[in-house]
């Protein structure tokens, strides 16, 4: 695990077929947009506020280490969820090798029916490039695991 990330027990979940992915519309007033150069701090802030990192600095350092040379791919695969004021409040990556990566919604917007449309959007992006998908999540994150199961993901293994 890279420095700066909070230590958690991870599990791998997979979905073998992206053909029949459920589609969930966003509630009124919300929208999506893709990453643009300079959005590193926005991504880092969302991930920090969602509890993925101990500090904002850890989040931005992780972004730079993992994604600094991948701006072109980010512009096609990193999705931001926007509120009715066009402020980014969530993010997900439809990443390389069919990976759903870095799913996060800031806490004040959690529980508002936004995670299903966010995941749905990412899976439809992946579907253009891959037949299947995978993700990692924490074994203690029962809400996320339940969400992923609704889309057809199954737990494959725990490292």
N, C-alpha and C. Protein backbone atom coordinates (compact mmCIF):
# COMPACT_ATOMS: atom_id res chain seq x y z
N UNK A 1 0.86 -1.18 0.00
CA UNK A 1 0.00 0.00 0.00
C UNK A 1 0.90 1.23 0.00
N UNK A 2 0.52 2.23 -0.76
CA UNK A 2 1.33 3.45 -0.85
C UNK A 2 1.21 4.28 0.42
N UNK A 3 2.27 4.99 0.72
CA UNK A 3 2.29 5.85 1.89
C UNK A 3 1.18 6.89 1.82
N UNK A 4 0.54 7.16 2.95
CA UNK A 4 -0.51 8.18 3.00
C UNK A 4 -1.90 7.59 2.99
N UNK A 5 -2.05 6.37 2.50
CA UNK A 5 -3.37 5.74 2.50
C UNK A 5 -3.63 5.15 3.87
N UNK A 6 -4.87 5.19 4.29
CA UNK A 6 -5.26 4.62 5.57
C UNK A 6 -5.29 3.10 5.41
N UNK A 7 -4.69 2.36 6.36
CA UNK A 7 -4.62 0.91 6.27
C UNK A 7 -5.99 0.30 6.53
N UNK A 8 -6.45 -0.54 5.61
CA UNK A 8 -7.73 -1.23 5.73
C UNK A 8 -7.59 -2.59 5.06
N UNK A 9 -8.41 -3.56 5.46
CA UNK A 9 -8.40 -4.86 4.83
C UNK A 9 -9.18 -4.77 3.52
N UNK A 10 -8.53 -5.12 2.43
CA UNK A 10 -9.16 -4.99 1.12
C UNK A 10 -9.67 -6.33 0.62
N UNK A 11 -10.75 -6.25 -0.15
CA UNK A 11 -11.27 -7.41 -0.85
C UNK A 11 -11.41 -7.04 -2.32
N UNK A 12 -11.40 -8.05 -3.16
CA UNK A 12 -11.57 -7.85 -4.60
C UNK A 12 -12.95 -8.35 -4.99
N UNK A 13 -13.65 -7.54 -5.77
CA UNK A 13 -14.96 -7.92 -6.29
C UNK A 13 -14.90 -7.83 -7.80
N UNK A 14 -15.59 -8.77 -8.47
CA UNK A 14 -15.58 -8.80 -9.93
C UNK A 14 -17.00 -8.95 -10.47
N UNK A 15 -17.16 -8.52 -11.70
CA UNK A 15 -18.39 -8.77 -12.45
C UNK A 15 -17.93 -9.30 -13.81
N UNK A 16 -18.47 -10.44 -14.20
CA UNK A 16 -17.99 -11.12 -15.40
C UNK A 16 -18.62 -10.63 -16.70
N UNK A 17 -19.73 -9.91 -16.62
CA UNK A 17 -20.42 -9.51 -17.83
C UNK A 17 -21.03 -8.11 -17.64
N UNK A 18 -20.62 -7.19 -18.48
CA UNK A 18 -21.11 -5.81 -18.38
C UNK A 18 -22.30 -5.54 -19.31
N UNK A 19 -22.86 -6.58 -19.88
CA UNK A 19 -23.97 -6.40 -20.83
C UNK A 19 -25.26 -5.86 -20.20
N UNK A 20 -25.60 -6.32 -19.03
CA UNK A 20 -26.90 -5.96 -18.44
C UNK A 20 -26.76 -5.11 -17.18
N UNK A 21 -25.93 -4.11 -17.26
CA UNK A 21 -25.69 -3.24 -16.11
C UNK A 21 -26.92 -2.37 -15.87
N UNK A 22 -27.37 -2.28 -14.63
CA UNK A 22 -28.49 -1.37 -14.37
C UNK A 22 -28.07 0.08 -14.62
N UNK A 23 -29.01 0.86 -15.13
CA UNK A 23 -28.76 2.28 -15.35
C UNK A 23 -29.59 3.07 -14.36
N UNK A 24 -28.94 3.96 -13.63
CA UNK A 24 -29.63 4.81 -12.66
C UNK A 24 -29.41 6.26 -13.05
N UNK A 25 -30.51 6.99 -13.20
CA UNK A 25 -30.44 8.41 -13.51
C UNK A 25 -30.10 9.20 -12.26
N UNK A 26 -29.43 10.29 -12.47
CA UNK A 26 -29.14 11.21 -11.36
C UNK A 26 -30.41 11.92 -10.93
N UNK A 27 -30.52 12.22 -9.63
CA UNK A 27 -31.63 13.08 -9.20
C UNK A 27 -31.51 14.47 -9.84
N UNK A 28 -32.62 15.14 -9.94
CA UNK A 28 -32.68 16.47 -10.55
C UNK A 28 -31.67 17.41 -9.87
N UNK A 29 -30.98 18.17 -10.69
CA UNK A 29 -30.03 19.17 -10.20
C UNK A 29 -28.59 18.68 -10.18
N UNK A 30 -28.37 17.39 -10.31
CA UNK A 30 -27.01 16.85 -10.30
C UNK A 30 -26.58 16.55 -11.73
N UNK A 31 -25.26 16.53 -11.94
CA UNK A 31 -24.74 16.24 -13.27
C UNK A 31 -23.35 15.61 -13.16
N UNK A 32 -22.83 15.19 -14.29
CA UNK A 32 -21.49 14.62 -14.37
C UNK A 32 -20.62 15.49 -15.26
N UNK A 33 -19.34 15.42 -15.03
CA UNK A 33 -18.36 15.95 -15.97
C UNK A 33 -17.08 15.14 -15.81
N UNK A 34 -16.26 15.20 -16.84
CA UNK A 34 -14.99 14.48 -16.82
C UNK A 34 -13.86 15.38 -16.31
N UNK A 35 -12.81 14.74 -15.86
CA UNK A 35 -11.60 15.40 -15.37
C UNK A 35 -11.04 16.33 -16.44
N UNK A 36 -10.55 17.47 -16.00
CA UNK A 36 -9.77 18.35 -16.87
C UNK A 36 -8.48 18.69 -16.14
N UNK A 37 -7.47 18.99 -16.90
CA UNK A 37 -6.18 19.33 -16.32
C UNK A 37 -6.38 20.42 -15.26
N UNK A 38 -5.80 20.21 -14.09
CA UNK A 38 -5.95 21.15 -12.99
C UNK A 38 -6.95 20.68 -11.94
N UNK A 39 -7.64 19.56 -12.19
CA UNK A 39 -8.63 19.04 -11.24
C UNK A 39 -8.03 18.17 -10.14
N UNK A 40 -6.72 18.08 -10.08
CA UNK A 40 -6.06 17.23 -9.09
C UNK A 40 -6.50 17.57 -7.67
N UNK A 41 -6.58 18.84 -7.36
CA UNK A 41 -6.95 19.25 -6.00
C UNK A 41 -8.42 18.94 -5.70
N UNK A 42 -9.27 19.02 -6.71
CA UNK A 42 -10.68 18.67 -6.51
C UNK A 42 -10.80 17.19 -6.18
N UNK A 43 -10.14 16.35 -6.96
CA UNK A 43 -10.15 14.91 -6.70
C UNK A 43 -9.62 14.62 -5.30
N UNK A 44 -8.51 15.23 -4.96
CA UNK A 44 -7.86 14.99 -3.67
C UNK A 44 -8.76 15.43 -2.51
N UNK A 45 -9.44 16.54 -2.66
CA UNK A 45 -10.32 17.03 -1.60
C UNK A 45 -11.49 16.07 -1.39
N UNK A 46 -12.10 15.59 -2.45
CA UNK A 46 -13.21 14.65 -2.33
C UNK A 46 -12.74 13.38 -1.63
N UNK A 47 -11.62 12.83 -2.06
CA UNK A 47 -11.11 11.60 -1.46
C UNK A 47 -10.73 11.80 0.01
N UNK A 48 -10.16 12.95 0.34
CA UNK A 48 -9.84 13.25 1.74
C UNK A 48 -11.11 13.36 2.58
N UNK A 49 -12.08 14.13 2.11
CA UNK A 49 -13.32 14.32 2.86
C UNK A 49 -14.10 13.01 3.02
N UNK A 50 -13.96 12.12 2.05
CA UNK A 50 -14.64 10.81 2.12
C UNK A 50 -13.90 9.84 3.03
N UNK A 51 -12.76 10.24 3.56
CA UNK A 51 -12.05 9.41 4.53
C UNK A 51 -11.03 8.45 3.95
N UNK A 52 -10.68 8.64 2.69
CA UNK A 52 -9.70 7.73 2.08
C UNK A 52 -8.26 8.05 2.46
N UNK A 53 -8.01 9.26 2.94
CA UNK A 53 -6.67 9.67 3.32
C UNK A 53 -6.70 10.41 4.65
N UNK A 54 -5.58 10.33 5.36
CA UNK A 54 -5.47 11.01 6.67
C UNK A 54 -5.38 12.52 6.51
N UNK A 55 -4.71 12.97 5.44
CA UNK A 55 -4.54 14.41 5.22
C UNK A 55 -4.78 14.75 3.75
N UNK A 56 -5.04 16.01 3.49
CA UNK A 56 -5.18 16.48 2.11
C UNK A 56 -3.87 16.29 1.35
N UNK A 57 -2.77 16.52 2.04
CA UNK A 57 -1.45 16.35 1.41
C UNK A 57 -1.23 14.90 0.99
N UNK A 58 -1.63 13.95 1.83
CA UNK A 58 -1.52 12.54 1.46
C UNK A 58 -2.30 12.26 0.19
N UNK A 59 -3.49 12.84 0.08
CA UNK A 59 -4.35 12.60 -1.09
C UNK A 59 -3.71 13.17 -2.35
N UNK A 60 -3.23 14.38 -2.30
CA UNK A 60 -2.63 14.98 -3.51
C UNK A 60 -1.34 14.25 -3.88
N UNK A 61 -0.58 13.82 -2.88
CA UNK A 61 0.64 13.07 -3.18
C UNK A 61 0.31 11.74 -3.85
N UNK A 62 -0.72 11.08 -3.39
CA UNK A 62 -1.13 9.81 -4.01
C UNK A 62 -1.57 10.05 -5.45
N UNK A 63 -2.36 11.11 -5.67
CA UNK A 63 -2.79 11.43 -7.02
C UNK A 63 -1.58 11.63 -7.93
N UNK A 64 -0.64 12.43 -7.49
CA UNK A 64 0.54 12.71 -8.31
C UNK A 64 1.33 11.44 -8.60
N UNK A 65 1.47 10.59 -7.60
CA UNK A 65 2.24 9.36 -7.77
C UNK A 65 1.55 8.39 -8.73
N UNK A 66 0.24 8.28 -8.64
CA UNK A 66 -0.49 7.29 -9.43
C UNK A 66 -0.95 7.80 -10.80
N UNK A 67 -1.24 9.09 -10.92
CA UNK A 67 -1.92 9.59 -12.12
C UNK A 67 -1.21 10.74 -12.84
N UNK A 68 -0.10 11.20 -12.35
CA UNK A 68 0.53 12.41 -12.89
C UNK A 68 0.78 12.36 -14.39
N UNK A 69 1.12 11.22 -14.93
CA UNK A 69 1.44 11.10 -16.35
C UNK A 69 0.25 10.60 -17.17
N UNK A 70 -0.96 10.61 -16.62
CA UNK A 70 -2.10 9.99 -17.28
C UNK A 70 -3.25 10.96 -17.53
N UNK A 71 -2.94 12.22 -17.77
CA UNK A 71 -3.97 13.24 -17.96
C UNK A 71 -4.94 12.87 -19.08
N UNK A 72 -4.42 12.38 -20.19
CA UNK A 72 -5.29 12.05 -21.32
C UNK A 72 -6.30 10.96 -20.95
N UNK A 73 -5.85 9.97 -20.22
CA UNK A 73 -6.76 8.90 -19.78
C UNK A 73 -7.74 9.42 -18.73
N UNK A 74 -7.27 10.25 -17.82
CA UNK A 74 -8.16 10.85 -16.82
C UNK A 74 -9.29 11.62 -17.48
N UNK A 75 -9.00 12.32 -18.55
CA UNK A 75 -10.02 13.12 -19.24
C UNK A 75 -11.12 12.27 -19.86
N UNK A 76 -10.89 10.98 -20.00
CA UNK A 76 -11.88 10.06 -20.57
C UNK A 76 -12.46 9.11 -19.53
N UNK A 77 -11.78 8.98 -18.37
CA UNK A 77 -12.15 7.93 -17.44
C UNK A 77 -12.38 8.38 -16.00
N UNK A 78 -12.02 9.59 -15.65
CA UNK A 78 -12.26 10.10 -14.29
C UNK A 78 -13.50 10.99 -14.34
N UNK A 79 -14.50 10.58 -13.59
CA UNK A 79 -15.81 11.24 -13.63
C UNK A 79 -16.04 11.98 -12.31
N UNK A 80 -16.52 13.20 -12.42
CA UNK A 80 -16.93 13.96 -11.24
C UNK A 80 -18.44 14.06 -11.20
N UNK A 81 -18.98 13.94 -10.02
CA UNK A 81 -20.40 14.15 -9.75
C UNK A 81 -20.53 15.58 -9.24
N UNK A 82 -21.42 16.35 -9.86
CA UNK A 82 -21.59 17.77 -9.51
C UNK A 82 -22.94 18.00 -8.87
N UNK A 83 -22.97 18.92 -7.90
CA UNK A 83 -24.25 19.31 -7.30
C UNK A 83 -24.93 20.37 -8.16
N UNK A 84 -26.02 20.94 -7.67
CA UNK A 84 -26.78 21.91 -8.46
C UNK A 84 -26.07 23.25 -8.63
N UNK A 85 -24.93 23.42 -7.96
CA UNK A 85 -24.11 24.62 -8.14
C UNK A 85 -22.83 24.31 -8.93
N UNK A 86 -22.82 23.15 -9.58
CA UNK A 86 -21.68 22.67 -10.37
C UNK A 86 -20.41 22.49 -9.57
N UNK A 87 -20.57 22.19 -8.29
CA UNK A 87 -19.42 21.88 -7.44
C UNK A 87 -19.26 20.37 -7.39
N UNK A 88 -18.03 19.90 -7.57
CA UNK A 88 -17.75 18.47 -7.53
C UNK A 88 -17.90 17.95 -6.10
N UNK A 89 -18.74 16.93 -5.96
CA UNK A 89 -19.03 16.36 -4.65
C UNK A 89 -18.79 14.84 -4.60
N UNK A 90 -18.42 14.29 -5.74
CA UNK A 90 -18.12 12.87 -5.81
C UNK A 90 -17.24 12.58 -7.01
N UNK A 91 -16.65 11.40 -7.01
CA UNK A 91 -15.79 11.01 -8.12
C UNK A 91 -15.70 9.50 -8.21
N UNK A 92 -15.38 9.03 -9.40
CA UNK A 92 -15.12 7.61 -9.67
C UNK A 92 -14.25 7.56 -10.92
N UNK A 93 -13.44 6.51 -11.02
CA UNK A 93 -12.65 6.30 -12.22
C UNK A 93 -13.07 4.98 -12.86
N UNK A 94 -13.33 5.03 -14.15
CA UNK A 94 -13.54 3.84 -14.97
C UNK A 94 -12.17 3.53 -15.57
N UNK A 95 -11.34 2.83 -14.83
CA UNK A 95 -9.91 2.82 -15.07
C UNK A 95 -9.44 1.68 -15.96
N UNK A 96 -8.15 1.64 -16.11
CA UNK A 96 -7.50 0.64 -16.95
C UNK A 96 -7.82 -0.78 -16.48
N UNK A 97 -7.81 -1.70 -17.42
CA UNK A 97 -8.04 -3.12 -17.16
C UNK A 97 -9.42 -3.41 -16.59
N UNK A 98 -10.37 -2.51 -16.79
CA UNK A 98 -11.73 -2.72 -16.33
C UNK A 98 -11.92 -2.47 -14.85
N UNK A 99 -11.11 -1.62 -14.28
CA UNK A 99 -11.16 -1.37 -12.84
C UNK A 99 -12.05 -0.17 -12.50
N UNK A 100 -12.98 -0.38 -11.58
CA UNK A 100 -13.69 0.72 -10.93
C UNK A 100 -12.77 1.17 -9.81
N UNK A 101 -12.41 2.43 -9.81
CA UNK A 101 -11.31 2.90 -8.96
C UNK A 101 -11.69 4.21 -8.28
N UNK A 102 -11.34 4.32 -7.03
CA UNK A 102 -11.50 5.54 -6.25
C UNK A 102 -12.92 6.11 -6.27
N UNK A 103 -13.86 5.31 -5.84
CA UNK A 103 -15.26 5.75 -5.72
C UNK A 103 -15.39 6.55 -4.43
N UNK A 104 -15.91 7.76 -4.51
CA UNK A 104 -16.07 8.57 -3.30
C UNK A 104 -17.13 9.65 -3.50
N UNK A 105 -17.89 9.86 -2.45
CA UNK A 105 -18.84 10.98 -2.37
C UNK A 105 -18.61 11.63 -1.02
N UNK A 106 -18.54 12.96 -0.99
CA UNK A 106 -18.29 13.62 0.29
C UNK A 106 -19.45 13.33 1.25
N UNK A 107 -19.15 13.21 2.54
CA UNK A 107 -20.16 12.75 3.50
C UNK A 107 -21.47 13.51 3.51
N UNK A 108 -21.46 14.81 3.33
CA UNK A 108 -22.72 15.57 3.39
C UNK A 108 -23.66 15.25 2.23
N UNK A 109 -23.18 14.53 1.21
CA UNK A 109 -24.02 14.13 0.08
C UNK A 109 -24.28 12.62 0.04
N UNK A 110 -23.72 11.90 0.98
CA UNK A 110 -23.97 10.46 1.04
C UNK A 110 -25.40 10.22 1.51
N UNK A 111 -25.99 9.11 1.08
CA UNK A 111 -27.35 8.77 1.47
C UNK A 111 -28.42 9.53 0.69
N UNK A 112 -28.06 10.15 -0.41
CA UNK A 112 -29.01 10.93 -1.22
C UNK A 112 -29.31 10.27 -2.57
N UNK A 113 -28.99 8.99 -2.69
CA UNK A 113 -29.27 8.28 -3.93
C UNK A 113 -28.33 8.63 -5.07
N UNK A 114 -27.09 8.97 -4.75
CA UNK A 114 -26.14 9.40 -5.76
C UNK A 114 -25.12 8.33 -6.15
N UNK A 115 -24.89 7.37 -5.27
CA UNK A 115 -23.86 6.37 -5.54
C UNK A 115 -24.24 5.43 -6.68
N UNK A 116 -25.51 5.06 -6.78
CA UNK A 116 -25.93 4.18 -7.88
C UNK A 116 -25.74 4.85 -9.23
N UNK A 117 -26.19 6.09 -9.43
CA UNK A 117 -25.94 6.74 -10.73
C UNK A 117 -24.44 6.93 -11.01
N UNK A 118 -23.66 7.22 -9.98
CA UNK A 118 -22.22 7.41 -10.17
C UNK A 118 -21.56 6.12 -10.64
N UNK A 119 -21.87 5.02 -9.96
CA UNK A 119 -21.32 3.73 -10.36
C UNK A 119 -21.84 3.30 -11.72
N UNK A 120 -23.10 3.53 -11.97
CA UNK A 120 -23.71 3.20 -13.26
C UNK A 120 -22.97 3.92 -14.39
N UNK A 121 -22.71 5.19 -14.22
CA UNK A 121 -21.99 5.98 -15.23
C UNK A 121 -20.62 5.39 -15.51
N UNK A 122 -19.89 5.04 -14.46
CA UNK A 122 -18.55 4.48 -14.62
C UNK A 122 -18.59 3.13 -15.32
N UNK A 123 -19.55 2.30 -14.98
CA UNK A 123 -19.64 0.99 -15.61
C UNK A 123 -19.99 1.10 -17.09
N UNK A 124 -20.81 2.07 -17.45
CA UNK A 124 -21.13 2.27 -18.86
C UNK A 124 -19.91 2.77 -19.64
N UNK A 125 -19.04 3.54 -18.99
CA UNK A 125 -17.78 3.93 -19.63
C UNK A 125 -16.90 2.70 -19.82
N UNK A 126 -16.78 1.88 -18.78
CA UNK A 126 -15.96 0.66 -18.89
C UNK A 126 -16.49 -0.27 -19.97
N UNK A 127 -17.79 -0.36 -20.08
CA UNK A 127 -18.43 -1.26 -21.04
C UNK A 127 -17.99 -0.98 -22.48
N UNK A 128 -17.60 0.24 -22.76
CA UNK A 128 -17.12 0.59 -24.10
C UNK A 128 -15.77 -0.07 -24.42
N UNK A 129 -15.04 -0.48 -23.37
CA UNK A 129 -13.67 -0.96 -23.55
C UNK A 129 -13.43 -2.39 -23.06
N UNK A 130 -14.30 -2.87 -22.17
CA UNK A 130 -14.07 -4.17 -21.53
C UNK A 130 -15.36 -4.97 -21.43
N UNK A 131 -15.21 -6.28 -21.30
CA UNK A 131 -16.35 -7.17 -21.12
C UNK A 131 -16.68 -7.40 -19.65
N UNK A 132 -15.70 -7.18 -18.78
CA UNK A 132 -15.89 -7.41 -17.35
C UNK A 132 -15.21 -6.30 -16.56
N UNK A 133 -15.41 -6.32 -15.26
CA UNK A 133 -14.84 -5.26 -14.41
C UNK A 133 -14.48 -5.83 -13.05
N UNK A 134 -13.66 -5.09 -12.35
CA UNK A 134 -13.31 -5.46 -10.97
C UNK A 134 -13.09 -4.19 -10.16
N UNK A 135 -13.05 -4.36 -8.87
CA UNK A 135 -12.76 -3.26 -7.95
C UNK A 135 -12.21 -3.83 -6.67
N UNK A 136 -11.62 -2.97 -5.88
CA UNK A 136 -11.23 -3.35 -4.52
C UNK A 136 -12.00 -2.44 -3.57
N UNK A 137 -12.34 -2.98 -2.43
CA UNK A 137 -13.02 -2.22 -1.39
C UNK A 137 -12.58 -2.77 -0.05
N UNK A 138 -12.98 -2.10 1.01
CA UNK A 138 -12.64 -2.54 2.35
C UNK A 138 -13.69 -3.53 2.84
N UNK A 139 -13.23 -4.59 3.49
CA UNK A 139 -14.15 -5.61 3.99
C UNK A 139 -15.13 -5.05 5.02
N UNK A 140 -14.78 -3.97 5.66
CA UNK A 140 -15.65 -3.35 6.67
C UNK A 140 -16.69 -2.41 6.06
N UNK A 141 -16.59 -2.14 4.77
CA UNK A 141 -17.50 -1.18 4.13
C UNK A 141 -18.72 -1.92 3.58
N UNK A 142 -19.60 -2.30 4.47
CA UNK A 142 -20.76 -3.11 4.12
C UNK A 142 -21.72 -2.39 3.16
N UNK A 143 -21.86 -1.08 3.31
CA UNK A 143 -22.73 -0.33 2.39
C UNK A 143 -22.21 -0.39 0.96
N UNK A 144 -20.91 -0.21 0.80
CA UNK A 144 -20.32 -0.27 -0.54
C UNK A 144 -20.44 -1.67 -1.12
N UNK A 145 -20.16 -2.67 -0.32
CA UNK A 145 -20.26 -4.05 -0.80
C UNK A 145 -21.69 -4.34 -1.24
N UNK A 146 -22.67 -3.89 -0.47
CA UNK A 146 -24.07 -4.07 -0.85
C UNK A 146 -24.40 -3.38 -2.16
N UNK A 147 -23.89 -2.18 -2.34
CA UNK A 147 -24.09 -1.44 -3.60
C UNK A 147 -23.49 -2.22 -4.76
N UNK A 148 -22.26 -2.66 -4.62
CA UNK A 148 -21.59 -3.36 -5.70
C UNK A 148 -22.31 -4.66 -6.05
N UNK A 149 -22.83 -5.34 -5.05
CA UNK A 149 -23.58 -6.59 -5.30
C UNK A 149 -24.85 -6.31 -6.12
N UNK A 150 -25.50 -5.16 -5.90
CA UNK A 150 -26.69 -4.81 -6.68
C UNK A 150 -26.38 -4.67 -8.17
N UNK A 151 -25.14 -4.40 -8.49
CA UNK A 151 -24.72 -4.28 -9.88
C UNK A 151 -24.20 -5.61 -10.43
N UNK A 152 -24.12 -6.62 -9.59
CA UNK A 152 -23.67 -7.93 -10.04
C UNK A 152 -22.24 -8.30 -9.64
N UNK A 153 -21.58 -7.44 -8.90
CA UNK A 153 -20.23 -7.77 -8.43
C UNK A 153 -20.31 -8.87 -7.37
N UNK A 154 -19.31 -9.74 -7.41
CA UNK A 154 -19.18 -10.80 -6.40
C UNK A 154 -17.80 -10.74 -5.79
N UNK A 155 -17.70 -11.09 -4.53
CA UNK A 155 -16.40 -11.13 -3.86
C UNK A 155 -15.62 -12.31 -4.42
N UNK A 156 -14.43 -12.01 -4.92
CA UNK A 156 -13.57 -13.06 -5.49
C UNK A 156 -12.58 -13.58 -4.46
N UNK A 157 -11.87 -12.67 -3.83
CA UNK A 157 -10.89 -13.11 -2.84
C UNK A 157 -10.52 -11.95 -1.95
N UNK A 158 -10.05 -12.30 -0.80
CA UNK A 158 -9.51 -11.31 0.12
C UNK A 158 -8.02 -11.59 0.24
N UNK A 159 -7.18 -10.61 -0.11
CA UNK A 159 -5.73 -10.85 -0.06
C UNK A 159 -5.25 -11.13 1.36
